[in-house]
Amino acid sequence: MEQIAREHKQPLLLQGFPGVWTFLFTSKRKVVNHAEARGSDYARSKRFSQLLAQRGVIAVRRFYTSAAHTEKDVGDALDRANEAMRQLREESVRSQ
């Protein structure tokens, strides 16, 4: 996911525990509390979540994985995230 964000020049911070990752759009390298998260781009996070949902990936500022997900499931989700990130980047460019 981080590689996908870099390819689309999106400031994605992905952190958390195995199986549960929180994502924020921020230039920070780590966020440890709510006060630090306040500088994040919540509108961009919300839009990314919407774009993922349109593609069948449910992730509202968090990604959850489990042993039930196959490698194909994860690969498909990453492909859809790539498409969503591409659209997010295009929308950002148009709004500037």
Foldseek 3Di string as FASTA:
>chain_A
DVVLCVVLVFQWAWDDDVFKIFIFGDVDNDDDDPVRRVVTDQVLLQQLQVQLVVVVQHANRMGGDDPPQDPVNVVSSVVSSSVSSNVSSVVVVVVD
